[in-house]
Amino acid sequence: MKPNILLIYTGGTIGMMKDPETKALRAFDFSQLLVHIPEIKQLDCHIEPYSFEYPIDSSDMNLEEWRKLGDVIYTNYDDYDGFVVLHGSDTMSFTGSTLSFMFENLTKPIILTGSQLPIGDLRTDAKENLITSLQLAIQNN
């Protein structure tokens, strides 16, 4: 049976791409993940994307946003084998620390990752960071 991973996009550079017409950054449509990053198919897992309604600049992360993230993980904990959280780099360490206090005695991985360049850029670190995080999330399955 293939591992199920919940891919949670909170905001940040990793989930952005340039609009071809305006050149402005907009949120990536993670339902199209396999179209844009077909290499993920090699991981042989099921990935369910979940995006916050409005992407959050990580410098704006606060207790309310951490509570929302915790609720998403808690609500879906029994249905998934692991969780990959896409997050901006400014406060990722604070989010990781907060999650470690919210979820003690975990039996499933919760992996946070981000990038310096948007996922839609030609030479981006986002794709490699995402693929590596997914590989780590399915390792125990």
N, C-alpha and C. Protein backbone atom coordinates (compact mmCIF):
# COMPACT_ATOMS: atom_id res chain seq x y z
N MET A 1 0.83 -1.18 0.00
CA MET A 1 0.00 0.00 0.00
C MET A 1 0.88 1.25 0.00
N LYS A 2 0.52 2.21 -0.83
CA LYS A 2 1.31 3.43 -0.94
C LYS A 2 1.12 4.31 0.29
N PRO A 3 2.22 4.93 0.78
CA PRO A 3 2.08 5.87 1.89
C PRO A 3 1.28 7.10 1.46
N ASN A 4 0.49 7.61 2.39
CA ASN A 4 -0.29 8.83 2.18
C ASN A 4 0.39 9.99 2.89
N ILE A 5 0.67 11.04 2.15
CA ILE A 5 1.33 12.22 2.71
C ILE A 5 0.41 13.42 2.52
N LEU A 6 0.24 14.19 3.59
CA LEU A 6 -0.49 15.44 3.49
C LEU A 6 0.53 16.56 3.31
N LEU A 7 0.45 17.25 2.19
CA LEU A 7 1.34 18.35 1.84
C LEU A 7 0.61 19.65 2.16
N ILE A 8 1.09 20.35 3.17
CA ILE A 8 0.41 21.55 3.68
C ILE A 8 1.19 22.78 3.27
N TYR A 9 0.56 23.64 2.49
CA TYR A 9 1.19 24.89 2.09
C TYR A 9 0.64 26.02 2.95
N THR A 10 1.51 26.60 3.77
CA THR A 10 1.11 27.71 4.64
C THR A 10 1.39 29.05 3.98
N GLY A 11 2.38 29.08 3.12
CA GLY A 11 2.82 30.32 2.47
C GLY A 11 4.32 30.27 2.27
N GLY A 12 4.88 31.38 1.89
CA GLY A 12 6.33 31.45 1.70
C GLY A 12 6.73 31.30 0.25
N THR A 13 7.98 31.59 0.00
CA THR A 13 8.55 31.58 -1.34
C THR A 13 8.41 30.24 -2.03
N ILE A 14 8.54 29.15 -1.29
CA ILE A 14 8.52 27.82 -1.90
C ILE A 14 7.25 27.57 -2.72
N GLY A 15 6.15 28.17 -2.35
CA GLY A 15 4.90 27.91 -3.05
C GLY A 15 4.47 28.99 -4.01
N MET A 16 5.43 29.76 -4.50
CA MET A 16 5.10 30.86 -5.41
C MET A 16 5.60 30.58 -6.82
N MET A 17 4.94 31.21 -7.78
CA MET A 17 5.42 31.19 -9.16
C MET A 17 5.02 32.51 -9.82
N LYS A 18 5.76 32.88 -10.85
CA LYS A 18 5.47 34.14 -11.54
C LYS A 18 4.29 33.97 -12.47
N ASP A 19 3.38 34.92 -12.40
CA ASP A 19 2.27 34.97 -13.35
C ASP A 19 2.86 35.32 -14.71
N PRO A 20 2.61 34.52 -15.75
CA PRO A 20 3.23 34.77 -17.06
C PRO A 20 2.86 36.12 -17.67
N GLU A 21 1.69 36.64 -17.33
CA GLU A 21 1.26 37.91 -17.91
C GLU A 21 1.76 39.12 -17.12
N THR A 22 1.57 39.09 -15.80
CA THR A 22 1.91 40.26 -14.99
C THR A 22 3.31 40.20 -14.41
N LYS A 23 3.91 39.02 -14.39
CA LYS A 23 5.23 38.78 -13.79
C LYS A 23 5.21 38.90 -12.26
N ALA A 24 4.04 39.11 -11.69
CA ALA A 24 3.91 39.17 -10.23
C ALA A 24 3.89 37.75 -9.68
N LEU A 25 4.34 37.58 -8.43
CA LEU A 25 4.30 36.26 -7.80
C LEU A 25 2.87 35.97 -7.35
N ARG A 26 2.47 34.71 -7.56
CA ARG A 26 1.18 34.24 -7.08
C ARG A 26 1.37 32.83 -6.52
N ALA A 27 0.41 32.39 -5.74
CA ALA A 27 0.52 31.06 -5.13
C ALA A 27 0.43 29.96 -6.19
N PHE A 28 1.27 28.96 -6.04
CA PHE A 28 1.31 27.78 -6.90
C PHE A 28 0.06 26.94 -6.63
N ASP A 29 -0.50 26.34 -7.65
CA ASP A 29 -1.65 25.46 -7.50
C ASP A 29 -1.13 24.04 -7.25
N PHE A 30 -1.12 23.64 -5.98
CA PHE A 30 -0.54 22.35 -5.62
C PHE A 30 -1.36 21.16 -6.11
N SER A 31 -2.57 21.38 -6.59
CA SER A 31 -3.32 20.28 -7.19
C SER A 31 -2.67 19.89 -8.53
N GLN A 32 -1.82 20.75 -9.07
CA GLN A 32 -1.11 20.50 -10.33
C GLN A 32 0.35 20.08 -10.08
N LEU A 33 0.65 19.63 -8.88
CA LEU A 33 2.01 19.31 -8.48
C LEU A 33 2.70 18.32 -9.43
N LEU A 34 2.03 17.23 -9.77
CA LEU A 34 2.65 16.21 -10.61
C LEU A 34 2.83 16.66 -12.05
N VAL A 35 2.06 17.64 -12.48
CA VAL A 35 2.23 18.20 -13.82
C VAL A 35 3.53 19.00 -13.88
N HIS A 36 3.80 19.77 -12.83
CA HIS A 36 4.97 20.64 -12.81
C HIS A 36 6.24 19.95 -12.32
N ILE A 37 6.08 18.93 -11.49
CA ILE A 37 7.24 18.20 -10.96
C ILE A 37 6.97 16.70 -11.12
N PRO A 38 7.05 16.20 -12.35
CA PRO A 38 6.71 14.79 -12.60
C PRO A 38 7.64 13.80 -11.90
N GLU A 39 8.82 14.24 -11.50
CA GLU A 39 9.76 13.35 -10.80
C GLU A 39 9.16 12.79 -9.51
N ILE A 40 8.20 13.49 -8.95
CA ILE A 40 7.58 13.04 -7.69
C ILE A 40 6.88 11.70 -7.87
N LYS A 41 6.47 11.39 -9.09
CA LYS A 41 5.82 10.10 -9.36
C LYS A 41 6.73 8.93 -9.00
N GLN A 42 8.04 9.13 -9.06
CA GLN A 42 9.00 8.07 -8.73
C GLN A 42 8.96 7.70 -7.25
N LEU A 43 8.40 8.54 -6.41
CA LEU A 43 8.37 8.26 -4.98
C LEU A 43 7.34 7.20 -4.60
N ASP A 44 6.40 6.91 -5.50
CA ASP A 44 5.40 5.87 -5.27
C ASP A 44 4.63 6.09 -3.96
N CYS A 45 4.06 7.28 -3.85
CA CYS A 45 3.24 7.60 -2.69
C CYS A 45 2.05 8.43 -3.16
N HIS A 46 1.08 8.55 -2.30
CA HIS A 46 -0.09 9.40 -2.59
C HIS A 46 0.11 10.71 -1.84
N ILE A 47 0.00 11.82 -2.55
CA ILE A 47 0.18 13.13 -1.94
C ILE A 47 -1.12 13.91 -2.06
N GLU A 48 -1.62 14.34 -0.94
CA GLU A 48 -2.83 15.15 -0.90
C GLU A 48 -2.43 16.58 -0.53
N PRO A 49 -2.66 17.54 -1.43
CA PRO A 49 -2.31 18.92 -1.11
C PRO A 49 -3.39 19.60 -0.27
N TYR A 50 -2.93 20.44 0.63
CA TYR A 50 -3.82 21.29 1.44
C TYR A 50 -3.16 22.65 1.51
N SER A 51 -3.87 23.68 1.13
CA SER A 51 -3.32 25.03 1.18
C SER A 51 -4.15 25.90 2.11
N PHE A 52 -3.45 26.72 2.90
CA PHE A 52 -4.15 27.72 3.69
C PHE A 52 -4.94 28.60 2.72
N GLU A 53 -6.08 29.11 3.16
CA GLU A 53 -6.92 29.92 2.28
C GLU A 53 -6.14 31.11 1.71
N TYR A 54 -5.38 31.76 2.55
CA TYR A 54 -4.53 32.87 2.11
C TYR A 54 -3.10 32.55 2.52
N PRO A 55 -2.16 32.48 1.57
CA PRO A 55 -0.77 32.21 1.94
C PRO A 55 -0.25 33.27 2.92
N ILE A 56 0.51 32.80 3.89
CA ILE A 56 1.00 33.68 4.95
C ILE A 56 2.47 33.99 4.72
N ASP A 57 2.82 35.24 4.73
CA ASP A 57 4.23 35.61 4.76
C ASP A 57 4.74 35.12 6.11
N SER A 58 5.83 34.39 6.10
CA SER A 58 6.26 33.77 7.37
C SER A 58 6.58 34.78 8.45
N SER A 59 6.90 36.02 8.08
CA SER A 59 7.14 37.02 9.11
C SER A 59 5.84 37.40 9.82
N ASP A 60 4.70 36.98 9.26
CA ASP A 60 3.40 37.24 9.88
C ASP A 60 2.85 36.04 10.63
N MET A 61 3.63 34.97 10.76
CA MET A 61 3.17 33.81 11.53
C MET A 61 2.95 34.24 12.98
N ASN A 62 1.88 33.72 13.57
CA ASN A 62 1.57 34.06 14.95
C ASN A 62 0.83 32.89 15.59
N LEU A 63 0.41 33.07 16.82
CA LEU A 63 -0.25 31.99 17.54
C LEU A 63 -1.49 31.46 16.81
N GLU A 64 -2.26 32.36 16.23
CA GLU A 64 -3.47 31.93 15.52
C GLU A 64 -3.13 31.06 14.33
N GLU A 65 -2.10 31.43 13.57
CA GLU A 65 -1.68 30.64 12.40
C GLU A 65 -1.11 29.30 12.84
N TRP A 66 -0.35 29.28 13.92
CA TRP A 66 0.19 28.01 14.43
C TRP A 66 -0.95 27.10 14.90
N ARG A 67 -1.98 27.70 15.51
CA ARG A 67 -3.13 26.90 15.94
C ARG A 67 -3.82 26.29 14.72
N LYS A 68 -3.99 27.07 13.64
CA LYS A 68 -4.61 26.55 12.42
C LYS A 68 -3.80 25.39 11.85
N LEU A 69 -2.48 25.56 11.80
CA LEU A 69 -1.62 24.49 11.29
C LEU A 69 -1.73 23.25 12.18
N GLY A 70 -1.68 23.43 13.48
CA GLY A 70 -1.83 22.31 14.39
C GLY A 70 -3.16 21.60 14.23
N ASP A 71 -4.22 22.37 14.02
CA ASP A 71 -5.55 21.78 13.81
C ASP A 71 -5.60 20.93 12.54
N VAL A 72 -4.96 21.42 11.48
CA VAL A 72 -4.94 20.65 10.22
C VAL A 72 -4.24 19.32 10.44
N ILE A 73 -3.10 19.34 11.10
CA ILE A 73 -2.35 18.11 11.35
C ILE A 73 -3.12 17.19 12.29
N TYR A 74 -3.63 17.74 13.37
CA TYR A 74 -4.37 16.94 14.35
C TYR A 74 -5.60 16.28 13.73
N THR A 75 -6.37 17.05 12.98
CA THR A 75 -7.59 16.55 12.35
C THR A 75 -7.29 15.43 11.36
N ASN A 76 -6.15 15.51 10.69
CA ASN A 76 -5.80 14.54 9.65
C ASN A 76 -4.78 13.49 10.09
N TYR A 77 -4.41 13.50 11.34
CA TYR A 77 -3.31 12.66 11.82
C TYR A 77 -3.54 11.17 11.53
N ASP A 78 -4.72 10.68 11.74
CA ASP A 78 -4.98 9.25 11.56
C ASP A 78 -5.08 8.83 10.09
N ASP A 79 -5.28 9.78 9.20
CA ASP A 79 -5.49 9.46 7.78
C ASP A 79 -4.23 9.50 6.93
N TYR A 80 -3.13 9.96 7.50
CA TYR A 80 -1.89 10.12 6.72
C TYR A 80 -0.71 9.48 7.44
N ASP A 81 0.28 9.11 6.63
CA ASP A 81 1.49 8.48 7.17
C ASP A 81 2.57 9.50 7.49
N GLY A 82 2.41 10.71 7.00
CA GLY A 82 3.38 11.76 7.25
C GLY A 82 2.85 13.09 6.74
N PHE A 83 3.52 14.15 7.17
CA PHE A 83 3.10 15.50 6.84
C PHE A 83 4.31 16.31 6.40
N VAL A 84 4.15 17.03 5.29
CA VAL A 84 5.19 17.94 4.82
C VAL A 84 4.57 19.34 4.82
N VAL A 85 5.19 20.23 5.57
CA VAL A 85 4.69 21.59 5.71
C VAL A 85 5.60 22.52 4.92
N LEU A 86 5.02 23.20 3.92
CA LEU A 86 5.77 24.17 3.14
C LEU A 86 5.57 25.53 3.80
N HIS A 87 6.70 26.19 4.07
CA HIS A 87 6.68 27.33 4.98
C HIS A 87 7.73 28.34 4.54
N GLY A 88 7.50 29.61 4.82
CA GLY A 88 8.52 30.62 4.59
C GLY A 88 9.67 30.45 5.55
N SER A 89 10.85 30.91 5.15
CA SER A 89 12.06 30.65 5.94
C SER A 89 12.23 31.58 7.15
N ASP A 90 11.58 32.75 7.15
CA ASP A 90 11.80 33.71 8.24
C ASP A 90 11.48 33.15 9.62
N THR A 91 10.40 32.41 9.74
CA THR A 91 9.98 31.92 11.06
C THR A 91 9.82 30.40 11.10
N MET A 92 10.40 29.71 10.15
CA MET A 92 10.25 28.25 10.11
C MET A 92 10.74 27.59 11.40
N SER A 93 11.82 28.08 11.96
CA SER A 93 12.35 27.48 13.19
C SER A 93 11.38 27.67 14.34
N PHE A 94 10.69 28.80 14.39
CA PHE A 94 9.70 29.03 15.45
C PHE A 94 8.51 28.09 15.28
N THR A 95 8.10 27.88 14.03
CA THR A 95 6.99 26.96 13.76
C THR A 95 7.39 25.54 14.15
N GLY A 96 8.61 25.13 13.82
CA GLY A 96 9.08 23.80 14.20
C GLY A 96 9.07 23.62 15.71
N SER A 97 9.52 24.63 16.42
CA SER A 97 9.53 24.56 17.88
C SER A 97 8.11 24.48 18.42
N THR A 98 7.23 25.30 17.89
CA THR A 98 5.83 25.30 18.34
C THR A 98 5.18 23.94 18.11
N LEU A 99 5.40 23.36 16.91
CA LEU A 99 4.83 22.05 16.62
C LEU A 99 5.38 20.97 17.55
N SER A 100 6.64 21.10 17.95
CA SER A 100 7.21 20.09 18.84
C SER A 100 6.55 20.10 20.21
N PHE A 101 6.04 21.25 20.62
CA PHE A 101 5.31 21.32 21.88
C PHE A 101 3.84 20.89 21.69
N MET A 102 3.29 21.13 20.52
CA MET A 102 1.90 20.75 20.26
C MET A 102 1.73 19.24 20.13
N PHE A 103 2.73 18.58 19.54
CA PHE A 103 2.62 17.15 19.24
C PHE A 103 3.76 16.40 19.90
N GLU A 104 3.49 15.88 21.09
CA GLU A 104 4.48 15.07 21.78
C GLU A 104 4.26 13.61 21.42
N ASN A 105 5.31 12.82 21.49
CA ASN A 105 5.25 11.37 21.26
C ASN A 105 4.70 11.01 19.88
N LEU A 106 5.17 11.72 18.88
CA LEU A 106 4.73 11.45 17.51
C LEU A 106 5.17 10.08 17.03
N THR A 107 4.35 9.49 16.20
CA THR A 107 4.73 8.24 15.53
C THR A 107 4.82 8.44 14.03
N LYS A 108 4.59 9.69 13.58
CA LYS A 108 4.63 10.02 12.16
C LYS A 108 5.46 11.29 11.98
N PRO A 109 6.15 11.40 10.85
CA PRO A 109 6.97 12.60 10.63
C PRO A 109 6.14 13.83 10.26
N ILE A 110 6.57 14.96 10.79
CA ILE A 110 6.09 16.27 10.37
C ILE A 110 7.35 17.02 9.94
N ILE A 111 7.46 17.27 8.64
CA ILE A 111 8.68 17.86 8.09
C ILE A 111 8.36 19.24 7.54
N LEU A 112 9.16 20.22 7.95
CA LEU A 112 9.01 21.58 7.44
C LEU A 112 10.10 21.84 6.41
N THR A 113 9.72 22.52 5.33
CA THR A 113 10.72 22.90 4.33
C THR A 113 10.29 24.19 3.66
N GLY A 114 11.26 24.86 3.08
CA GLY A 114 11.04 26.10 2.35
C GLY A 114 12.08 26.20 1.26
N SER A 115 12.20 27.39 0.69
CA SER A 115 13.19 27.58 -0.37
C SER A 115 13.57 29.06 -0.47
N GLN A 116 14.66 29.29 -1.15
CA GLN A 116 15.11 30.65 -1.39
C GLN A 116 14.48 31.23 -2.66
N LEU A 117 14.12 30.34 -3.59
CA LEU A 117 13.54 30.76 -4.86
C LEU A 117 12.18 30.10 -5.06
N PRO A 118 11.26 30.76 -5.75
CA PRO A 118 9.92 30.19 -5.98
C PRO A 118 9.97 28.88 -6.75
N ILE A 119 8.98 28.03 -6.50
CA ILE A 119 8.91 26.72 -7.14
C ILE A 119 8.78 26.83 -8.66
N GLY A 120 8.25 27.93 -9.15
CA GLY A 120 8.06 28.11 -10.58
C GLY A 120 9.28 28.63 -11.32
N ASP A 121 10.37 28.97 -10.60
CA ASP A 121 11.58 29.46 -11.27
C ASP A 121 12.33 28.32 -11.93
N LEU A 122 13.05 28.65 -12.97
CA LEU A 122 13.80 27.65 -13.72
C LEU A 122 14.88 26.99 -12.87
N ARG A 123 15.68 27.78 -12.18
CA ARG A 123 16.78 27.25 -11.36
C ARG A 123 16.46 27.47 -9.89
N THR A 124 15.56 26.66 -9.38
CA THR A 124 15.07 26.83 -8.02
C THR A 124 15.52 25.70 -7.10
N ASP A 125 15.67 26.01 -5.84
CA ASP A 125 15.94 24.98 -4.84
C ASP A 125 14.64 24.36 -4.32
N ALA A 126 13.51 24.94 -4.67
CA ALA A 126 12.22 24.50 -4.13
C ALA A 126 11.89 23.06 -4.51
N LYS A 127 12.13 22.69 -5.75
CA LYS A 127 11.78 21.34 -6.20
C LYS A 127 12.60 20.29 -5.46
N GLU A 128 13.90 20.52 -5.35
CA GLU A 128 14.76 19.57 -4.64
C GLU A 128 14.37 19.49 -3.16
N ASN A 129 14.09 20.63 -2.55
CA ASN A 129 13.71 20.64 -1.14
C ASN A 129 12.39 19.88 -0.92
N LEU A 130 11.45 20.07 -1.83
CA LEU A 130 10.17 19.39 -1.73
C LEU A 130 10.33 17.88 -1.92
N ILE A 131 11.05 17.48 -2.94
CA ILE A 131 11.25 16.05 -3.20
C ILE A 131 11.96 15.38 -2.03
N THR A 132 12.99 16.02 -1.50
CA THR A 132 13.72 15.46 -0.35
C THR A 132 12.81 15.33 0.86
N SER A 133 11.99 16.33 1.11
CA SER A 133 11.07 16.28 2.25
C SER A 133 10.06 15.16 2.10
N LEU A 134 9.55 14.98 0.89
CA LEU A 134 8.61 13.88 0.66
C LEU A 134 9.29 12.53 0.85
N GLN A 135 10.54 12.40 0.37
CA GLN A 135 11.27 11.15 0.56
C GLN A 135 11.44 10.84 2.05
N LEU A 136 11.76 11.85 2.83
CA LEU A 136 11.92 11.65 4.28
C LEU A 136 10.59 11.28 4.93
N ALA A 137 9.51 11.87 4.46
CA ALA A 137 8.20 11.60 5.05
C ALA A 137 7.73 10.16 4.82
N ILE A 138 8.19 9.54 3.74
CA ILE A 138 7.74 8.17 3.45
C ILE A 138 8.75 7.10 3.85
N GLN A 139 9.86 7.50 4.41
CA GLN A 139 10.93 6.56 4.73
C GLN A 139 10.53 5.42 5.64
N ASN A 140 9.68 5.67 6.60
CA ASN A 140 9.32 4.64 7.56
C ASN A 140 8.20 3.72 7.09
N ASN A 141 7.76 3.90 5.85
CA ASN A 141 6.65 3.08 5.34
C ASN A 141 7.15 2.00 4.41
